[in-house]
Amino acid sequence: MNGGSAESLQRAEELLERLRGKLEQLERLAEEGDADAAVDDLAEIAEIARELEAEIGRARTAADAGR
């Protein structure tokens, strides 16, 4: 694994942790019935998921370049 792919994987792990935290928060909001906050969290979850997908793509590209 080269440096670029390692950095991208580290960033992906950080994003995954953020995603997990937001999902837990979303579950709490759903239990509380706070629909407005839940919608806001869903938008943030979608953005984190897009960032995560992009970071995984960068890791793959970097790993392929290092072969």
Protein backbone atom coordinates (compact mmCIF):
# COMPACT_ATOMS: atom_id res chain seq x y z
CA MET A 1 0.00 0.00 0.00
CA ASN A 2 1.46 3.35 -0.97
CA GLY A 3 1.22 6.60 0.99
CA GLY A 4 -1.67 8.02 -1.01
CA SER A 5 -3.86 5.00 -0.58
CA ALA A 6 -3.01 4.77 3.14
CA GLU A 7 -3.97 8.42 3.64
CA SER A 8 -7.22 7.91 1.74
CA LEU A 9 -8.06 4.82 3.76
CA GLN A 10 -7.36 6.70 7.00
CA ARG A 11 -9.66 9.50 5.87
CA ALA A 12 -12.30 6.93 4.88
CA GLU A 13 -12.12 5.40 8.36
CA GLU A 14 -12.62 8.84 9.91
CA LEU A 15 -15.62 9.47 7.67
CA LEU A 16 -17.04 6.07 8.57
CA GLU A 17 -16.82 6.94 12.26
CA ARG A 18 -18.63 10.24 11.59
CA LEU A 19 -21.26 8.33 9.63
CA ARG A 20 -21.79 5.87 12.48
CA GLY A 21 -22.17 8.73 14.95
CA LYS A 22 -24.74 10.45 12.76
CA LEU A 23 -26.68 7.21 12.34
CA GLU A 24 -26.81 6.77 16.11
CA GLN A 25 -27.99 10.35 16.47
CA LEU A 26 -30.63 9.76 13.80
CA GLU A 27 -31.93 6.75 15.71
CA ARG A 28 -32.24 8.86 18.87
CA LEU A 29 -34.06 11.60 16.98
CA ALA A 30 -36.44 9.05 15.50
CA GLU A 31 -37.21 7.69 18.96
CA GLU A 32 -37.83 11.25 20.20
CA GLY A 33 -40.01 12.05 17.19
CA ASP A 34 -37.91 15.08 16.15
CA ALA A 35 -38.62 14.95 12.43
CA ASP A 36 -37.03 18.29 11.52
CA ALA A 37 -33.71 17.41 13.14
CA ALA A 38 -33.89 13.93 11.62
CA VAL A 39 -34.26 15.40 8.12
CA ASP A 40 -31.23 17.62 8.76
CA ASP A 41 -29.25 14.59 9.92
CA LEU A 42 -30.28 12.62 6.84
CA ALA A 43 -28.87 15.38 4.65
CA GLU A 44 -25.60 15.27 6.62
CA ILE A 45 -25.51 11.47 6.39
CA ALA A 46 -25.92 11.66 2.62
CA GLU A 47 -23.06 14.18 2.37
CA ILE A 48 -20.76 12.05 4.53
CA ALA A 49 -21.62 8.99 2.41
CA ARG A 50 -20.68 10.89 -0.77
CA GLU A 51 -17.38 11.97 0.80
CA LEU A 52 -16.73 8.40 1.89
CA GLU A 53 -17.41 7.05 -1.59
CA ALA A 54 -15.05 9.62 -3.11
CA GLU A 55 -12.31 8.79 -0.60
CA ILE A 56 -12.60 5.08 -1.32
CA GLY A 57 -12.30 5.89 -5.02
CA ARG A 58 -9.14 7.88 -4.35
CA ALA A 59 -7.71 5.00 -2.32
CA ARG A 60 -8.40 2.57 -5.18
CA THR A 61 -6.83 4.90 -7.71
CA ALA A 62 -3.76 5.41 -5.54
CA ALA A 63 -3.44 1.68 -4.92
CA ASP A 64 -3.75 0.93 -8.64
CA ALA A 65 -1.11 3.56 -9.44
CA GLY A 66 1.25 1.95 -6.94
CA ARG A 67 1.12 -1.46 -8.60
